[in-house]
Amino acid sequence: MNKNADIVNAAPDRTTAAPNARRSFWLKQLHSWHWISAAVSMVGMMLFAITGITLNHAAQIPAEPVVKETTAEMPAPLVARLADFPDETTDPAPDVMVRWAKDAFNVNIAGKATETTAEEIYVALPMPGGDAWMTLDRTTGEAVYEKTTRGPVAYLNDLHKGRNSGLVWYWFIDIFAVACVIFTVTGLALVWLHARSRPSSWPLVGLGLLIPVIIALLFIH
């Protein structure tokens, strides 16, 4: 028996060991990034998928606006302190009015642009799923706060669009979008790595690209 031949045959094939090690490394990395990005974006992806359907069928989903109007009267000494506020401006309301509105209507108008005239100060307060505004008569101190809500579906639809949702939600949408991109790209990379053993992988990927292209070319005008 040739012992040297047995030793050579038993030794690992270095020409395949290195590529297999690299493939194993990238598989582990891609699986990690894929499931982490999936976990981070899962709830948001479900929300945006569902609201994509509700937005597409907005006309078929009934929504009954609910309007609530509240009135109050600013004390005369506080009204007098508004005399220094310009007669024509879009500047935010002065602090005295901000504090009073918080107490009277439980509404925050700080930093909100106004539509101010010599007669009144008007503040628009748009929000997801509804609308609101407040106006203050600069002579009598009479104030009106009106809030309109259109239900939870309208609220979620506006979150989908980022409409009047604030800075924090604005950044959430960007971060969520990045997580979705990572999820998609790592998924595509995993398809590429497994495509050899799964012959239907690339035809399905191509179909996913072809369907929206055909719809856009033939049915969107």
C-alpha atoms as a PDB file:
ATOM      1  CA  MET A   1       0.000   0.000   0.000  1.00  0.00           C
ATOM      2  CA  ASN A   2       1.227   3.463  -0.897  1.00  0.00           C
ATOM      3  CA  LYS A   3       0.998   5.485   2.340  1.00  0.00           C
ATOM      4  CA  ASN A   4       2.024   8.741   0.636  1.00  0.00           C
ATOM      5  CA  ALA A   5      -0.871   8.429  -1.821  1.00  0.00           C
ATOM      6  CA  ASP A   6      -3.285   7.879   1.058  1.00  0.00           C
ATOM      7  CA  ILE A   7      -2.025  11.022   2.815  1.00  0.00           C
ATOM      8  CA  VAL A   8      -2.450  13.095  -0.355  1.00  0.00           C
ATOM      9  CA  ASN A   9      -5.973  11.759  -0.940  1.00  0.00           C
ATOM     10  CA  ALA A  10      -6.947  12.503   2.663  1.00  0.00           C
ATOM     11  CA  ALA A  11      -5.757  16.126   2.550  1.00  0.00           C
ATOM     12  CA  PRO A  12      -8.470  18.789   1.965  1.00  0.00           C
ATOM     13  CA  ASP A  13      -8.781  20.311  -1.498  1.00  0.00           C
ATOM     14  CA  ARG A  14      -7.469  23.839  -0.994  1.00  0.00           C
ATOM     15  CA  THR A  15      -8.843  24.975  -4.358  1.00  0.00           C
ATOM     16  CA  THR A  16     -12.406  24.581  -3.081  1.00  0.00           C
ATOM     17  CA  ALA A  17     -11.890  25.199   0.655  1.00  0.00           C
ATOM     18  CA  ALA A  18     -11.244  28.946   0.270  1.00  0.00           C
ATOM     19  CA  PRO A  19     -14.285  29.685  -1.986  1.00  0.00           C
ATOM     20  CA  ASN A  20     -16.508  27.601   0.306  1.00  0.00           C
ATOM     21  CA  ALA A  21     -15.245  29.536   3.323  1.00  0.00           C
ATOM     22  CA  ARG A  22     -15.963  32.852   1.604  1.00  0.00           C
ATOM     23  CA  ARG A  23     -19.435  31.687   0.566  1.00  0.00           C
ATOM     24  CA  SER A  24     -20.162  30.521   4.115  1.00  0.00           C
ATOM     25  CA  PHE A  25     -18.987  33.887   5.491  1.00  0.00           C
ATOM     26  CA  TRP A  26     -21.217  35.893   3.128  1.00  0.00           C
ATOM     27  CA  LEU A  27     -24.185  33.615   3.743  1.00  0.00           C
ATOM     28  CA  LYS A  28     -23.892  34.208   7.490  1.00  0.00           C
ATOM     29  CA  GLN A  29     -23.508  37.966   7.010  1.00  0.00           C
ATOM     30  CA  LEU A  30     -26.407  38.230   4.586  1.00  0.00           C
ATOM     31  CA  HIS A  31     -28.687  36.084   6.749  1.00  0.00           C
ATOM     32  CA  SER A  32     -27.863  38.266   9.765  1.00  0.00           C
ATOM     33  CA  TRP A  33     -28.518  41.544   7.963  1.00  0.00           C
ATOM     34  CA  HIS A  34     -31.612  40.090   6.304  1.00  0.00           C
ATOM     35  CA  TRP A  35     -33.335  38.996   9.499  1.00  0.00           C
ATOM     36  CA  ILE A  36     -32.277  42.085  11.465  1.00  0.00           C
ATOM     37  CA  SER A  37     -33.624  44.439   8.788  1.00  0.00           C
ATOM     38  CA  ALA A  38     -36.769  42.290   8.571  1.00  0.00           C
ATOM     39  CA  ALA A  39     -37.301  42.545  12.326  1.00  0.00           C
ATOM     40  CA  VAL A  40     -36.755  46.315  12.335  1.00  0.00           C
ATOM     41  CA  SER A  41     -39.042  46.985   9.369  1.00  0.00           C
ATOM     42  CA  MET A  42     -41.675  44.272   9.937  1.00  0.00           C
ATOM     43  CA  VAL A  43     -44.328  46.362  11.701  1.00  0.00           C
ATOM     44  CA  GLY A  44     -43.727  49.395   9.498  1.00  0.00           C
ATOM     45  CA  MET A  45     -43.851  47.257   6.350  1.00  0.00           C
ATOM     46  CA  MET A  46     -47.177  45.769   7.455  1.00  0.00           C
ATOM     47  CA  LEU A  47     -48.524  49.246   8.210  1.00  0.00           C
ATOM     48  CA  PHE A  48     -47.444  50.665   4.863  1.00  0.00           C
ATOM     49  CA  ALA A  49     -48.737  47.611   2.968  1.00  0.00           C
ATOM     50  CA  ILE A  50     -52.182  47.805   4.609  1.00  0.00           C
ATOM     51  CA  THR A  51     -52.447  51.563   4.169  1.00  0.00           C
ATOM     52  CA  GLY A  52     -51.368  51.127   0.558  1.00  0.00           C
ATOM     53  CA  ILE A  53     -54.586  49.112   0.110  1.00  0.00           C
ATOM     54  CA  THR A  54     -56.731  51.591   2.061  1.00  0.00           C
ATOM     55  CA  LEU A  55     -55.320  54.513   0.076  1.00  0.00           C
ATOM     56  CA  ASN A  56     -56.015  52.681  -3.170  1.00  0.00           C
ATOM     57  CA  HIS A  57     -59.634  52.199  -2.072  1.00  0.00           C
ATOM     58  CA  ALA A  58     -60.120  55.484  -0.234  1.00  0.00           C
ATOM     59  CA  ALA A  59     -63.297  56.273  -2.198  1.00  0.00           C
ATOM     60  CA  GLN A  60     -64.885  52.972  -1.117  1.00  0.00           C
ATOM     61  CA  ILE A  61     -64.054  53.378   2.587  1.00  0.00           C
ATOM     62  CA  PRO A  62     -66.618  55.601   4.325  1.00  0.00           C
ATOM     63  CA  ALA A  63     -65.365  58.260   6.724  1.00  0.00           C
ATOM     64  CA  GLU A  64     -67.647  60.446   8.789  1.00  0.00           C
ATOM     65  CA  PRO A  65     -65.894  63.654   9.878  1.00  0.00           C
ATOM     66  CA  VAL A  66     -66.402  64.512  13.528  1.00  0.00           C
ATOM     67  CA  VAL A  67     -66.212  68.230  14.259  1.00  0.00           C
ATOM     68  CA  LYS A  68     -65.720  69.541  17.779  1.00  0.00           C
ATOM     69  CA  GLU A  69     -65.774  73.265  18.472  1.00  0.00           C
ATOM     70  CA  THR A  70     -64.733  74.835  21.757  1.00  0.00           C
ATOM     71  CA  THR A  71     -64.919  78.491  22.732  1.00  0.00           C
ATOM     72  CA  ALA A  72     -63.246  80.450  25.496  1.00  0.00           C
ATOM     73  CA  GLU A  73     -62.508  84.047  26.373  1.00  0.00           C
ATOM     74  CA  MET A  74     -59.049  85.385  27.064  1.00  0.00           C
ATOM     75  CA  PRO A  75     -58.930  87.695  30.095  1.00  0.00           C
ATOM     76  CA  ALA A  76     -58.738  91.401  29.253  1.00  0.00           C
ATOM     77  CA  PRO A  77     -55.272  91.908  30.841  1.00  0.00           C
ATOM     78  CA  LEU A  78     -53.871  89.192  28.588  1.00  0.00           C
ATOM     79  CA  VAL A  79     -55.601  90.648  25.529  1.00  0.00           C
ATOM     80  CA  ALA A  80     -53.981  93.995  26.321  1.00  0.00           C
ATOM     81  CA  ARG A  81     -50.566  92.327  26.253  1.00  0.00           C
ATOM     82  CA  LEU A  82     -51.164  91.397  22.624  1.00  0.00           C
ATOM     83  CA  ALA A  83     -51.130  95.055  21.620  1.00  0.00           C
ATOM     84  CA  ASP A  84     -47.425  94.904  20.800  1.00  0.00           C
ATOM     85  CA  PHE A  85     -47.937  91.979  18.417  1.00  0.00           C
ATOM     86  CA  PRO A  86     -47.801  93.207  14.776  1.00  0.00           C
ATOM     87  CA  ASP A  87     -51.052  93.916  12.931  1.00  0.00           C
ATOM     88  CA  GLU A  88     -49.933  92.008   9.825  1.00  0.00           C
ATOM     89  CA  THR A  89     -47.603  89.040  10.260  1.00  0.00           C
ATOM     90  CA  THR A  90     -47.165  85.306   9.945  1.00  0.00           C
ATOM     91  CA  ASP A  91     -44.923  85.117  13.028  1.00  0.00           C
ATOM     92  CA  PRO A  92     -45.775  82.505  15.672  1.00  0.00           C
ATOM     93  CA  ALA A  93     -48.154  83.600  18.408  1.00  0.00           C
ATOM     94  CA  PRO A  94     -46.621  85.390  21.388  1.00  0.00           C
ATOM     95  CA  ASP A  95     -45.844  83.416  24.540  1.00  0.00           C
ATOM     96  CA  VAL A  96     -48.801  84.837  26.472  1.00  0.00           C
ATOM     97  CA  MET A  97     -51.194  83.437  23.890  1.00  0.00           C
ATOM     98  CA  VAL A  98     -49.321  80.109  23.714  1.00  0.00           C
ATOM     99  CA  ARG A  99     -49.618  79.594  27.475  1.00  0.00           C
ATOM    100  CA  TRP A 100     -53.270  80.625  27.556  1.00  0.00           C
ATOM    101  CA  ALA A 101     -54.214  78.354  24.624  1.00  0.00           C
ATOM    102  CA  LYS A 102     -52.552  75.417  26.391  1.00  0.00           C
ATOM    103  CA  ASP A 103     -54.643  76.051  29.513  1.00  0.00           C
ATOM    104  CA  ALA A 104     -57.897  76.878  27.717  1.00  0.00           C
ATOM    105  CA  PHE A 105     -57.921  74.268  24.923  1.00  0.00           C
ATOM    106  CA  ASN A 106     -55.049  71.909  25.787  1.00  0.00           C
ATOM    107  CA  VAL A 107     -53.497  72.712  22.418  1.00  0.00           C
ATOM    108  CA  ASN A 108     -49.895  73.593  21.630  1.00  0.00           C
ATOM    109  CA  ILE A 109     -49.553  76.495  19.193  1.00  0.00           C
ATOM    110  CA  ALA A 110     -45.900  77.262  19.994  1.00  0.00           C
ATOM    111  CA  GLY A 111     -43.849  77.866  16.875  1.00  0.00           C
ATOM    112  CA  LYS A 112     -46.877  77.615  14.572  1.00  0.00           C
ATOM    113  CA  ALA A 113     -47.172  80.224  11.837  1.00  0.00           C
ATOM    114  CA  THR A 114     -50.125  82.586  12.205  1.00  0.00           C
ATOM    115  CA  GLU A 115     -52.301  84.551   9.831  1.00  0.00           C
ATOM    116  CA  THR A 116     -52.480  87.749  11.824  1.00  0.00           C
ATOM    117  CA  THR A 117     -54.509  90.836  11.043  1.00  0.00           C
ATOM    118  CA  ALA A 118     -55.444  93.851  13.131  1.00  0.00           C
ATOM    119  CA  GLU A 119     -58.705  92.083  14.055  1.00  0.00           C
ATOM    120  CA  GLU A 120     -57.647  88.506  14.824  1.00  0.00           C
ATOM    121  CA  ILE A 121     -54.880  85.950  15.160  1.00  0.00           C
ATOM    122  CA  TYR A 122     -55.519  82.728  13.270  1.00  0.00           C
ATOM    123  CA  VAL A 123     -53.442  79.564  13.736  1.00  0.00           C
ATOM    124  CA  ALA A 124     -53.782  76.549  11.433  1.00  0.00           C
ATOM    125  CA  LEU A 125     -53.178  73.228  13.204  1.00  0.00           C
ATOM    126  CA  PRO A 126     -53.223  70.451  10.575  1.00  0.00           C
ATOM    127  CA  MET A 127     -52.763  66.898  11.811  1.00  0.00           C
ATOM    128  CA  PRO A 128     -52.900  63.313  10.524  1.00  0.00           C
ATOM    129  CA  GLY A 129     -56.443  62.130   9.895  1.00  0.00           C
ATOM    130  CA  GLY A 130     -58.027  65.500  10.413  1.00  0.00           C
ATOM    131  CA  ASP A 131     -57.587  69.208  10.781  1.00  0.00           C
ATOM    132  CA  ALA A 132     -57.797  71.899  13.419  1.00  0.00           C
ATOM    133  CA  TRP A 133     -57.521  75.652  13.798  1.00  0.00           C
ATOM    134  CA  MET A 134     -57.743  78.345  16.431  1.00  0.00           C
ATOM    135  CA  THR A 135     -58.676  81.972  16.113  1.00  0.00           C
ATOM    136  CA  LEU A 136     -58.533  84.790  18.653  1.00  0.00           C
ATOM    137  CA  ASP A 137     -60.373  88.094  18.388  1.00  0.00           C
ATOM    138  CA  ARG A 138     -57.820  90.736  19.336  1.00  0.00           C
ATOM    139  CA  THR A 139     -60.502  93.158  20.547  1.00  0.00           C
ATOM    140  CA  THR A 140     -62.907  91.010  22.573  1.00  0.00           C
ATOM    141  CA  GLY A 141     -60.575  88.140  23.502  1.00  0.00           C
ATOM    142  CA  GLU A 142     -63.087  85.614  22.186  1.00  0.00           C
ATOM    143  CA  ALA A 143     -61.322  82.471  20.994  1.00  0.00           C
ATOM    144  CA  VAL A 144     -62.555  79.491  19.007  1.00  0.00           C
ATOM    145  CA  TYR A 145     -60.816  76.144  18.654  1.00  0.00           C
ATOM    146  CA  GLU A 146     -62.204  73.696  16.101  1.00  0.00           C
ATOM    147  CA  LYS A 147     -60.963  70.144  15.574  1.00  0.00           C
ATOM    148  CA  THR A 148     -62.070  67.753  12.816  1.00  0.00           C
ATOM    149  CA  THR A 149     -61.228  64.055  12.852  1.00  0.00           C
ATOM    150  CA  ARG A 150     -61.951  61.556  10.075  1.00  0.00           C
ATOM    151  CA  GLY A 151     -61.361  58.251  11.829  1.00  0.00           C
ATOM    152  CA  PRO A 152     -58.491  55.770  12.259  1.00  0.00           C
ATOM    153  CA  VAL A 153     -58.243  54.812   8.567  1.00  0.00           C
ATOM    154  CA  ALA A 154     -57.727  58.436   7.551  1.00  0.00           C
ATOM    155  CA  TYR A 155     -55.193  58.791  10.361  1.00  0.00           C
ATOM    156  CA  LEU A 156     -53.178  55.774   9.168  1.00  0.00           C
ATOM    157  CA  ASN A 157     -53.437  56.910   5.530  1.00  0.00           C
ATOM    158  CA  ASP A 158     -51.924  60.263   6.457  1.00  0.00           C
ATOM    159  CA  LEU A 159     -49.114  58.505   8.341  1.00  0.00           C
ATOM    160  CA  HIS A 160     -48.415  56.551   5.141  1.00  0.00           C
ATOM    161  CA  LYS A 161     -48.087  59.843   3.242  1.00  0.00           C
ATOM    162  CA  GLY A 162     -46.230  61.589   6.061  1.00  0.00           C
ATOM    163  CA  ARG A 163     -48.909  64.302   5.997  1.00  0.00           C
ATOM    164  CA  ASN A 164     -48.719  66.700   8.938  1.00  0.00           C
ATOM    165  CA  SER A 165     -46.980  64.019  11.013  1.00  0.00           C
ATOM    166  CA  GLY A 166     -44.088  65.982  12.472  1.00  0.00           C
ATOM    167  CA  LEU A 167     -40.311  65.760  12.372  1.00  0.00           C
ATOM    168  CA  VAL A 168     -39.945  62.515  14.331  1.00  0.00           C
ATOM    169  CA  TRP A 169     -42.254  60.621  11.935  1.00  0.00           C
ATOM    170  CA  TYR A 170     -40.409  62.233   9.018  1.00  0.00           C
ATOM    171  CA  TRP A 171     -37.156  60.664  10.229  1.00  0.00           C
ATOM    172  CA  PHE A 172     -38.877  57.370  11.035  1.00  0.00           C
ATOM    173  CA  ILE A 173     -40.001  57.054   7.403  1.00  0.00           C
ATOM    174  CA  ASP A 174     -36.429  57.608   6.194  1.00  0.00           C
ATOM    175  CA  ILE A 175     -34.941  55.076   8.636  1.00  0.00           C
ATOM    176  CA  PHE A 176     -37.694  52.573   7.866  1.00  0.00           C
ATOM    177  CA  ALA A 177     -37.052  53.009   4.128  1.00  0.00           C
ATOM    178  CA  VAL A 178     -33.342  52.315   4.614  1.00  0.00           C
ATOM    179  CA  ALA A 179     -34.196  49.138   6.576  1.00  0.00           C
ATOM    180  CA  CYS A 180     -36.483  48.034   3.725  1.00  0.00           C
ATOM    181  CA  VAL A 181     -33.717  48.646   1.183  1.00  0.00           C
ATOM    182  CA  ILE A 182     -31.290  46.544   3.263  1.00  0.00           C
ATOM    183  CA  PHE A 183     -33.933  43.821   3.582  1.00  0.00           C
ATOM    184  CA  THR A 184     -34.510  43.795  -0.180  1.00  0.00           C
ATOM    185  CA  VAL A 185     -30.850  43.954  -1.224  1.00  0.00           C
ATOM    186  CA  THR A 186     -29.791  41.199   1.171  1.00  0.00           C
ATOM    187  CA  GLY A 187     -32.730  39.109  -0.019  1.00  0.00           C
ATOM    188  CA  LEU A 188     -31.604  39.567  -3.612  1.00  0.00           C
ATOM    189  CA  ALA A 189     -28.043  38.601  -2.657  1.00  0.00           C
ATOM    190  CA  LEU A 190     -29.348  35.455  -0.956  1.00  0.00           C
ATOM    191  CA  VAL A 191     -31.315  34.610  -4.096  1.00  0.00           C
ATOM    192  CA  TRP A 192     -28.101  35.001  -6.107  1.00  0.00           C
ATOM    193  CA  LEU A 193     -26.174  32.692  -3.760  1.00  0.00           C
ATOM    194  CA  HIS A 194     -28.893  30.020  -3.811  1.00  0.00           C
ATOM    195  CA  ALA A 195     -29.924  30.397  -7.465  1.00  0.00           C
ATOM    196  CA  ARG A 196     -27.788  27.461  -8.633  1.00  0.00           C
ATOM    197  CA  SER A 197     -29.820  25.005  -6.559  1.00  0.00           C
ATOM    198  CA  ARG A 198     -33.136  26.812  -7.152  1.00  0.00           C
ATOM    199  CA  PRO A 199     -33.647  27.176 -10.920  1.00  0.00           C
ATOM    200  CA  SER A 200     -36.869  29.174 -10.591  1.00  0.00           C
ATOM    201  CA  SER A 201     -35.166  32.010  -8.650  1.00  0.00           C
ATOM    202  CA  TRP A 202     -34.207  34.324 -11.519  1.00  0.00           C
ATOM    203  CA  PRO A 203     -37.394  33.758 -13.582  1.00  0.00           C
ATOM    204  CA  LEU A 204     -39.398  34.822 -10.517  1.00  0.00           C
ATOM    205  CA  VAL A 205     -37.187  37.866  -9.949  1.00  0.00           C
ATOM    206  CA  GLY A 206     -37.566  38.776 -13.616  1.00  0.00           C
ATOM    207  CA  LEU A 207     -41.334  38.348 -13.366  1.00  0.00           C
ATOM    208  CA  GLY A 208     -41.416  40.696 -10.404  1.00  0.00           C
ATOM    209  CA  LEU A 209     -39.692  43.325 -12.565  1.00  0.00           C
ATOM    210  CA  LEU A 210     -41.624  42.587 -15.743  1.00  0.00           C
ATOM    211  CA  ILE A 211     -45.159  42.857 -14.316  1.00  0.00           C
ATOM    212  CA  PRO A 212     -44.972  46.534 -13.175  1.00  0.00           C
ATOM    213  CA  VAL A 213     -43.069  47.496 -16.350  1.00  0.00           C
ATOM    214  CA  ILE A 214     -45.771  45.986 -18.580  1.00  0.00           C
ATOM    215  CA  ILE A 215     -48.546  47.611 -16.540  1.00  0.00           C
ATOM    216  CA  ALA A 216     -46.791  50.989 -16.720  1.00  0.00           C
ATOM    217  CA  LEU A 217     -46.256  50.730 -20.481  1.00  0.00           C
ATOM    218  CA  LEU A 218     -49.675  49.388 -21.443  1.00  0.00           C
ATOM    219  CA  PHE A 219     -52.147  50.650 -18.871  1.00  0.00           C
ATOM    220  CA  ILE A 220     -50.797  53.919 -17.429  1.00  0.00           C
ATOM    221  CA  HIS A 221     -51.336  56.894 -19.712  1.00  0.00           C
END
